[in-house]
């Protein structure tokens, strides 16, 4: 019998990569993609475990699962940092920090 590709194996890999790349988007994009990739990877792993000779693409699933876990961790850390900043210094404090940072950039560009 001909081997077939595991369902969603490429999608799992892509979602894992995107979850890492978008970790600096306040966790809003990368966290859901990482969770979806992890759920799909668990389903694909269970399907592969039933009959490994029938499917190919398990390496994509394993890699995507690892990337999804890394992406979830990075997104969660970034999201907790943003929440902590809003709780500790507030939106006005963050805006002041950004204005000071931009002034520093403009002064560096003038010199």
N, C-alpha and C. Protein backbone atom coordinates (compact mmCIF):
# COMPACT_ATOMS: atom_id res chain seq x y z
N UNK A 1 0.83 -1.18 0.00
CA UNK A 1 0.00 0.00 0.00
C UNK A 1 0.88 1.25 0.00
N UNK A 2 0.44 2.26 -0.69
CA UNK A 2 1.23 3.48 -0.84
C UNK A 2 1.13 4.34 0.42
N UNK A 3 2.29 4.89 0.82
CA UNK A 3 2.30 5.75 2.00
C UNK A 3 1.65 7.09 1.66
N UNK A 4 0.97 7.64 2.65
CA UNK A 4 0.35 8.94 2.46
C UNK A 4 0.87 9.93 3.50
N UNK A 5 0.78 11.19 3.15
CA UNK A 5 1.25 12.25 4.04
C UNK A 5 0.32 12.36 5.24
N UNK A 6 0.92 12.56 6.41
CA UNK A 6 0.11 12.78 7.61
C UNK A 6 -0.72 14.04 7.44
N UNK A 7 -1.98 14.00 7.83
CA UNK A 7 -2.82 15.21 7.70
C UNK A 7 -2.25 16.37 8.51
N UNK A 8 -2.21 17.52 7.90
CA UNK A 8 -1.78 18.78 8.54
C UNK A 8 -0.33 18.81 8.97
N UNK A 9 0.52 17.92 8.47
CA UNK A 9 1.92 17.93 8.92
C UNK A 9 2.64 19.21 8.50
N UNK A 10 2.39 19.68 7.29
CA UNK A 10 3.01 20.92 6.84
C UNK A 10 2.42 22.12 7.57
N UNK A 11 1.12 22.09 7.80
CA UNK A 11 0.44 23.17 8.51
C UNK A 11 0.97 23.30 9.95
N UNK A 12 1.22 22.18 10.59
CA UNK A 12 1.76 22.19 11.95
C UNK A 12 3.13 22.87 11.96
N UNK A 13 3.95 22.53 10.99
CA UNK A 13 5.28 23.13 10.89
C UNK A 13 5.19 24.63 10.64
N UNK A 14 4.32 25.04 9.74
CA UNK A 14 4.16 26.47 9.41
C UNK A 14 3.63 27.24 10.61
N UNK A 15 2.62 26.70 11.30
CA UNK A 15 2.08 27.38 12.48
C UNK A 15 3.12 27.47 13.59
N UNK A 16 3.95 26.45 13.74
CA UNK A 16 5.02 26.50 14.74
C UNK A 16 6.02 27.60 14.43
N UNK A 17 6.39 27.73 13.17
CA UNK A 17 7.34 28.78 12.77
C UNK A 17 6.72 30.16 12.96
N UNK A 18 5.48 30.32 12.53
CA UNK A 18 4.81 31.64 12.66
C UNK A 18 4.62 32.02 14.12
N UNK A 19 4.38 31.04 14.98
CA UNK A 19 4.19 31.36 16.39
C UNK A 19 5.46 31.92 17.01
N UNK A 20 6.62 31.48 16.53
CA UNK A 20 7.88 32.03 17.02
C UNK A 20 8.15 33.40 16.41
N UNK A 21 7.91 33.53 15.12
CA UNK A 21 8.19 34.79 14.43
C UNK A 21 7.32 35.93 14.98
N UNK A 22 6.08 35.62 15.36
CA UNK A 22 5.16 36.66 15.82
C UNK A 22 5.12 36.79 17.34
N UNK A 23 6.16 36.36 18.02
CA UNK A 23 6.13 36.41 19.49
C UNK A 23 6.16 37.84 20.01
N UNK A 24 6.58 38.80 19.23
CA UNK A 24 6.62 40.19 19.68
C UNK A 24 5.36 40.96 19.32
N UNK A 25 4.31 40.27 18.94
CA UNK A 25 3.02 40.90 18.62
C UNK A 25 2.08 40.79 19.81
N UNK A 26 2.61 41.02 21.00
CA UNK A 26 1.86 41.00 22.25
C UNK A 26 1.24 39.64 22.56
N UNK A 27 1.66 38.59 21.90
CA UNK A 27 1.13 37.26 22.15
C UNK A 27 -0.22 37.01 21.55
N UNK A 28 -0.77 38.00 20.85
CA UNK A 28 -2.12 37.88 20.31
C UNK A 28 -2.15 36.97 19.09
N UNK A 29 -1.13 36.99 18.28
CA UNK A 29 -1.11 36.18 17.06
C UNK A 29 -0.43 34.84 17.32
N UNK A 30 0.73 34.88 17.91
CA UNK A 30 1.54 33.68 18.05
C UNK A 30 1.02 32.67 19.05
N UNK A 31 0.40 33.13 20.12
CA UNK A 31 -0.09 32.21 21.15
C UNK A 31 -1.19 31.29 20.62
N UNK A 32 -2.23 31.82 19.96
CA UNK A 32 -3.24 30.91 19.40
C UNK A 32 -2.68 29.98 18.32
N UNK A 33 -1.78 30.49 17.49
CA UNK A 33 -1.20 29.63 16.45
C UNK A 33 -0.36 28.52 17.05
N UNK A 34 0.37 28.82 18.10
CA UNK A 34 1.15 27.80 18.78
C UNK A 34 0.27 26.74 19.42
N UNK A 35 -0.82 27.17 20.03
CA UNK A 35 -1.74 26.22 20.66
C UNK A 35 -2.42 25.35 19.61
N UNK A 36 -2.84 25.94 18.51
CA UNK A 36 -3.45 25.17 17.42
C UNK A 36 -2.46 24.15 16.87
N UNK A 37 -1.22 24.58 16.66
CA UNK A 37 -0.19 23.67 16.14
C UNK A 37 0.06 22.52 17.10
N UNK A 38 0.05 22.80 18.40
CA UNK A 38 0.28 21.76 19.40
C UNK A 38 -0.87 20.75 19.43
N UNK A 39 -2.09 21.23 19.32
CA UNK A 39 -3.25 20.33 19.30
C UNK A 39 -3.23 19.46 18.05
N UNK A 40 -2.97 20.09 16.90
CA UNK A 40 -2.90 19.32 15.65
C UNK A 40 -1.76 18.31 15.67
N UNK A 41 -0.64 18.69 16.28
CA UNK A 41 0.51 17.78 16.37
C UNK A 41 0.18 16.57 17.25
N UNK A 42 -0.54 16.80 18.33
CA UNK A 42 -0.93 15.68 19.19
C UNK A 42 -1.87 14.72 18.46
N UNK A 43 -2.80 15.28 17.68
CA UNK A 43 -3.70 14.43 16.90
C UNK A 43 -2.93 13.65 15.84
N UNK A 44 -2.00 14.31 15.15
CA UNK A 44 -1.22 13.63 14.12
C UNK A 44 -0.31 12.57 14.72
N UNK A 45 0.24 12.83 15.90
CA UNK A 45 1.08 11.84 16.58
C UNK A 45 0.27 10.61 16.95
N UNK A 46 -0.95 10.83 17.44
CA UNK A 46 -1.80 9.69 17.79
C UNK A 46 -2.17 8.89 16.54
N UNK A 47 -2.42 9.57 15.44
CA UNK A 47 -2.75 8.88 14.19
C UNK A 47 -1.54 8.10 13.68
N UNK A 48 -0.36 8.69 13.78
CA UNK A 48 0.86 8.03 13.33
C UNK A 48 1.17 6.81 14.20
N UNK A 49 0.88 6.90 15.48
CA UNK A 49 1.17 5.80 16.41
C UNK A 49 0.31 4.56 16.11
N UNK A 50 -0.86 4.77 15.52
CA UNK A 50 -1.72 3.62 15.22
C UNK A 50 -1.13 2.74 14.12
N UNK A 51 -0.54 3.38 13.10
CA UNK A 51 0.05 2.60 12.00
C UNK A 51 1.16 3.42 11.33
N UNK A 52 2.39 3.35 11.85
CA UNK A 52 3.49 4.18 11.33
C UNK A 52 3.88 3.87 9.88
N UNK A 53 3.66 2.64 9.44
CA UNK A 53 4.06 2.28 8.08
C UNK A 53 3.16 2.92 7.02
N UNK A 54 2.04 3.45 7.44
CA UNK A 54 1.06 3.98 6.50
C UNK A 54 1.30 5.45 6.17
N UNK A 55 2.07 6.17 7.00
CA UNK A 55 2.19 7.62 6.85
C UNK A 55 3.63 8.07 6.72
N UNK A 56 3.80 9.21 6.04
CA UNK A 56 5.07 9.92 5.96
C UNK A 56 4.86 11.32 6.53
N UNK A 57 5.94 12.05 6.76
CA UNK A 57 5.85 13.43 7.23
C UNK A 57 5.84 13.57 8.74
N UNK A 58 6.21 12.51 9.45
CA UNK A 58 6.20 12.61 10.91
C UNK A 58 7.29 13.56 11.41
N UNK A 59 8.37 13.70 10.65
CA UNK A 59 9.44 14.63 11.04
C UNK A 59 8.93 16.06 11.08
N UNK A 60 8.07 16.43 10.13
CA UNK A 60 7.46 17.77 10.15
C UNK A 60 6.61 17.96 11.39
N UNK A 61 5.88 16.92 11.78
CA UNK A 61 5.03 16.99 12.96
C UNK A 61 5.88 17.18 14.22
N UNK A 62 6.97 16.41 14.34
CA UNK A 62 7.83 16.53 15.52
C UNK A 62 8.47 17.92 15.59
N UNK A 63 8.98 18.39 14.46
CA UNK A 63 9.62 19.71 14.42
C UNK A 63 8.60 20.80 14.71
N UNK A 64 7.43 20.71 14.10
CA UNK A 64 6.38 21.70 14.34
C UNK A 64 5.93 21.72 15.78
N UNK A 65 5.87 20.56 16.41
CA UNK A 65 5.47 20.48 17.82
C UNK A 65 6.49 21.18 18.71
N UNK A 66 7.77 20.95 18.44
CA UNK A 66 8.83 21.60 19.22
C UNK A 66 8.78 23.11 19.02
N UNK A 67 8.62 23.55 17.77
CA UNK A 67 8.53 24.98 17.49
C UNK A 67 7.30 25.60 18.13
N UNK A 68 6.19 24.87 18.14
CA UNK A 68 4.96 25.37 18.77
C UNK A 68 5.15 25.55 20.27
N UNK A 69 5.82 24.61 20.90
CA UNK A 69 6.08 24.73 22.35
C UNK A 69 6.97 25.94 22.63
N UNK A 70 8.00 26.10 21.83
CA UNK A 70 8.88 27.27 21.99
C UNK A 70 8.09 28.56 21.76
N UNK A 71 7.26 28.57 20.71
CA UNK A 71 6.45 29.76 20.41
C UNK A 71 5.47 30.08 21.51
N UNK A 72 4.84 29.06 22.10
CA UNK A 72 3.91 29.29 23.20
C UNK A 72 4.64 29.90 24.39
N UNK A 73 5.80 29.37 24.70
CA UNK A 73 6.58 29.89 25.84
C UNK A 73 6.99 31.34 25.59
N UNK A 74 7.52 31.64 24.40
CA UNK A 74 7.95 33.01 24.10
C UNK A 74 6.77 33.98 24.12
N UNK A 75 5.65 33.57 23.52
CA UNK A 75 4.47 34.44 23.50
C UNK A 75 3.92 34.66 24.90
N UNK A 76 3.92 33.62 25.72
CA UNK A 76 3.42 33.76 27.09
C UNK A 76 4.31 34.69 27.90
N UNK A 77 5.63 34.57 27.73
CA UNK A 77 6.55 35.47 28.44
C UNK A 77 6.34 36.91 28.00
N UNK A 78 6.21 37.12 26.70
CA UNK A 78 6.02 38.49 26.20
C UNK A 78 4.68 39.05 26.67
N UNK A 79 3.63 38.23 26.63
CA UNK A 79 2.31 38.69 27.07
C UNK A 79 2.33 39.03 28.57
N UNK A 80 2.97 38.19 29.37
CA UNK A 80 3.06 38.48 30.81
C UNK A 80 3.88 39.75 31.07
N UNK A 81 4.92 39.98 30.27
CA UNK A 81 5.72 41.20 30.42
C UNK A 81 4.89 42.44 30.10
N UNK A 82 4.11 42.38 29.04
CA UNK A 82 3.27 43.52 28.67
C UNK A 82 2.22 43.77 29.75
N UNK A 83 1.59 42.71 30.24
CA UNK A 83 0.60 42.87 31.31
C UNK A 83 1.25 43.44 32.56
N UNK A 84 2.43 42.94 32.90
CA UNK A 84 3.14 43.46 34.07
C UNK A 84 3.47 44.95 33.91
N UNK A 85 3.88 45.35 32.69
CA UNK A 85 4.20 46.76 32.47
C UNK A 85 2.96 47.63 32.63
N UNK A 86 1.83 47.19 32.09
CA UNK A 86 0.61 47.97 32.24
C UNK A 86 0.15 48.04 33.69
N UNK A 87 0.33 46.97 34.42
CA UNK A 87 -0.09 46.96 35.82
C UNK A 87 0.84 47.82 36.67
N UNK A 88 2.14 47.74 36.42
CA UNK A 88 3.10 48.44 37.28
C UNK A 88 3.25 49.92 36.95
N UNK A 89 3.36 50.28 35.67
CA UNK A 89 3.59 51.70 35.35
C UNK A 89 2.43 52.33 34.58
N UNK A 90 1.51 51.55 34.07
CA UNK A 90 0.34 52.08 33.39
C UNK A 90 0.62 52.49 31.95
N UNK A 91 -0.45 52.82 31.26
CA UNK A 91 -0.34 53.20 29.85
C UNK A 91 0.40 54.51 29.68
N UNK A 92 0.18 55.46 30.62
CA UNK A 92 0.88 56.75 30.52
C UNK A 92 2.39 56.59 30.70
N UNK A 93 2.78 55.73 31.63
CA UNK A 93 4.21 55.48 31.85
C UNK A 93 4.86 54.83 30.64
N UNK A 94 4.14 53.91 30.01
CA UNK A 94 4.68 53.26 28.81
C UNK A 94 4.82 54.28 27.68
N UNK A 95 3.82 55.18 27.55
CA UNK A 95 3.89 56.20 26.52
C UNK A 95 5.05 57.15 26.76
N UNK A 96 5.29 57.52 28.00
CA UNK A 96 6.43 58.38 28.32
C UNK A 96 7.75 57.69 27.99
N UNK A 97 7.86 56.40 28.30
CA UNK A 97 9.07 55.65 27.97
C UNK A 97 9.30 55.62 26.46
N UNK A 98 8.24 55.45 25.70
CA UNK A 98 8.37 55.42 24.24
C UNK A 98 8.79 56.79 23.71
N UNK A 99 8.24 57.86 24.27
CA UNK A 99 8.61 59.21 23.83
C UNK A 99 10.08 59.49 24.12
N UNK A 100 10.56 59.10 25.30
CA UNK A 100 11.97 59.28 25.64
C UNK A 100 12.86 58.47 24.72
N UNK A 101 12.43 57.25 24.41
CA UNK A 101 13.20 56.40 23.51
C UNK A 101 13.28 57.03 22.11
N UNK A 102 12.17 57.57 21.62
CA UNK A 102 12.17 58.20 20.31
C UNK A 102 13.02 59.47 20.30
N UNK A 103 13.00 60.24 21.39
CA UNK A 103 13.87 61.42 21.48
C UNK A 103 15.33 61.01 21.39
N UNK A 104 15.69 59.93 22.09
CA UNK A 104 17.05 59.43 22.04
C UNK A 104 17.46 58.99 20.64
N UNK A 105 16.52 58.37 19.92
CA UNK A 105 16.80 57.97 18.55
C UNK A 105 16.98 59.17 17.64
N UNK A 106 16.13 60.19 17.81
CA UNK A 106 16.23 61.38 16.98
C UNK A 106 17.52 62.15 17.26
N UNK A 107 17.93 62.21 18.52
CA UNK A 107 19.18 62.89 18.85
C UNK A 107 20.37 62.13 18.29
N UNK A 108 20.31 60.83 18.28
CA UNK A 108 21.39 60.03 17.71
C UNK A 108 21.46 60.17 16.19
N UNK A 109 20.32 60.37 15.55
CA UNK A 109 20.30 60.52 14.09
C UNK A 109 20.82 61.89 13.66
N UNK A 110 20.64 62.90 14.50
CA UNK A 110 21.07 64.26 14.17
C UNK A 110 22.58 64.38 14.24
N UNK A 111 23.19 63.70 15.17
CA UNK A 111 24.64 63.82 15.37
C UNK A 111 25.43 63.21 14.30
